[in-house]
Amino acid sequence: MATYSMRGLFDFILFILDQEQDDTLWELWLAKDVKDDFKTFKKKRMKAIRKKKVKSLSVEQEKVINNANSRFIKPREGGENE
């Protein structure tokens, strides 16, 4: 792992997670009495997973989060063009 760049490590982790998700779907497909082939079953399940709605934050919630996180951000002297 020490030889990976940050991007390479991130890609590797995503690959592992995708493989784990495929394995889980495969086991689910085998265990259930499904008329669809695995490819169709996987496509339907992935579509359902991606459809989950993300709740929007209110302006007040955004301000609270920004204020809480601003203590970790230290602006650089002189702005961005340094």
Protein backbone atom coordinates (compact mmCIF):
# COMPACT_ATOMS: atom_id res chain seq x y z
CA MET A 1 0.00 0.00 0.00
CA ALA A 2 2.94 2.34 0.54
CA THR A 3 3.68 2.24 -3.19
CA TYR A 4 0.24 3.56 -4.16
CA SER A 5 -0.36 7.21 -4.88
CA MET A 6 -3.39 8.70 -3.17
CA ARG A 7 -5.38 8.43 -6.42
CA GLY A 8 -4.21 4.86 -6.97
CA LEU A 9 -5.14 3.92 -3.43
CA PHE A 10 -8.56 5.54 -3.80
CA ASP A 11 -9.15 3.68 -7.09
CA PHE A 12 -8.08 0.42 -5.46
CA ILE A 13 -10.47 0.92 -2.53
CA LEU A 14 -13.34 1.70 -4.92
CA PHE A 15 -12.50 -1.43 -6.92
CA ILE A 16 -12.60 -3.56 -3.76
CA LEU A 17 -15.93 -2.04 -2.71
CA ASP A 18 -17.40 -2.68 -6.17
CA GLN A 19 -16.24 -6.29 -6.04
CA GLU A 20 -17.73 -6.75 -2.58
CA GLN A 21 -21.04 -5.29 -3.78
CA ASP A 22 -21.02 -7.63 -6.81
CA ASP A 23 -20.37 -10.61 -4.55
CA THR A 24 -23.23 -9.61 -2.27
CA LEU A 25 -25.63 -9.19 -5.20
CA TRP A 26 -24.49 -12.54 -6.65
CA GLU A 27 -25.21 -14.32 -3.36
CA LEU A 28 -28.58 -12.59 -3.11
CA TRP A 29 -29.45 -13.59 -6.67
CA LEU A 30 -28.51 -17.20 -5.98
CA ALA A 31 -30.55 -17.31 -2.77
CA LYS A 32 -33.73 -15.83 -4.25
CA ASP A 33 -36.05 -17.32 -6.81
CA VAL A 34 -35.61 -14.63 -9.47
CA LYS A 35 -36.71 -14.98 -13.08
CA ASP A 36 -34.23 -12.38 -14.34
CA ASP A 37 -30.68 -13.29 -15.26
CA PHE A 38 -27.95 -11.94 -12.99
CA LYS A 39 -27.09 -9.02 -15.28
CA THR A 40 -30.70 -7.77 -15.32
CA PHE A 41 -31.11 -8.38 -11.58
CA LYS A 42 -27.93 -6.42 -10.84
CA LYS A 43 -28.97 -3.55 -13.11
CA LYS A 44 -32.35 -3.24 -11.35
CA ARG A 45 -30.80 -3.38 -7.87
CA MET A 46 -28.12 -0.81 -8.71
CA LYS A 47 -30.76 1.51 -10.14
CA ALA A 48 -32.77 1.22 -6.92
CA ILE A 49 -29.68 1.93 -4.81
CA ARG A 50 -28.77 5.02 -6.83
CA LYS A 51 -32.33 6.41 -6.63
CA LYS A 52 -32.12 7.05 -2.90
CA LYS A 53 -33.02 10.66 -2.35
CA VAL A 54 -30.64 13.01 -0.65
CA LYS A 55 -32.33 15.47 1.65
CA SER A 56 -31.36 19.09 1.04
CA LEU A 57 -30.11 21.17 3.91
CA SER A 58 -31.78 24.37 4.97
CA VAL A 59 -29.84 27.62 4.90
CA GLU A 60 -29.64 27.57 8.70
CA GLN A 61 -28.29 24.00 8.72
CA GLU A 62 -25.65 24.98 6.14
CA LYS A 63 -24.58 27.93 8.30
CA VAL A 64 -24.25 25.74 11.40
CA ILE A 65 -22.16 23.19 9.50
CA ASN A 66 -19.99 25.88 7.89
CA ASN A 67 -19.37 27.57 11.23
CA ALA A 68 -18.46 24.26 12.87
CA ASN A 69 -16.08 23.35 10.04
CA SER A 70 -14.51 26.80 9.69
CA ARG A 71 -12.43 26.21 12.82
CA PHE A 72 -10.44 23.62 10.83
CA ILE A 73 -9.76 25.91 7.86
CA LYS A 74 -6.89 28.33 8.09
CA PRO A 75 -6.83 30.94 5.29
CA ARG A 76 -3.47 31.58 3.66
CA GLU A 77 -1.87 34.99 3.90
CA GLY A 78 -2.29 37.05 0.74
CA GLY A 79 -5.12 35.08 -0.84
CA GLU A 80 -5.14 32.49 -3.62
CA ASN A 81 -2.71 34.11 -6.06
CA GLU A 82 0.42 33.65 -4.00
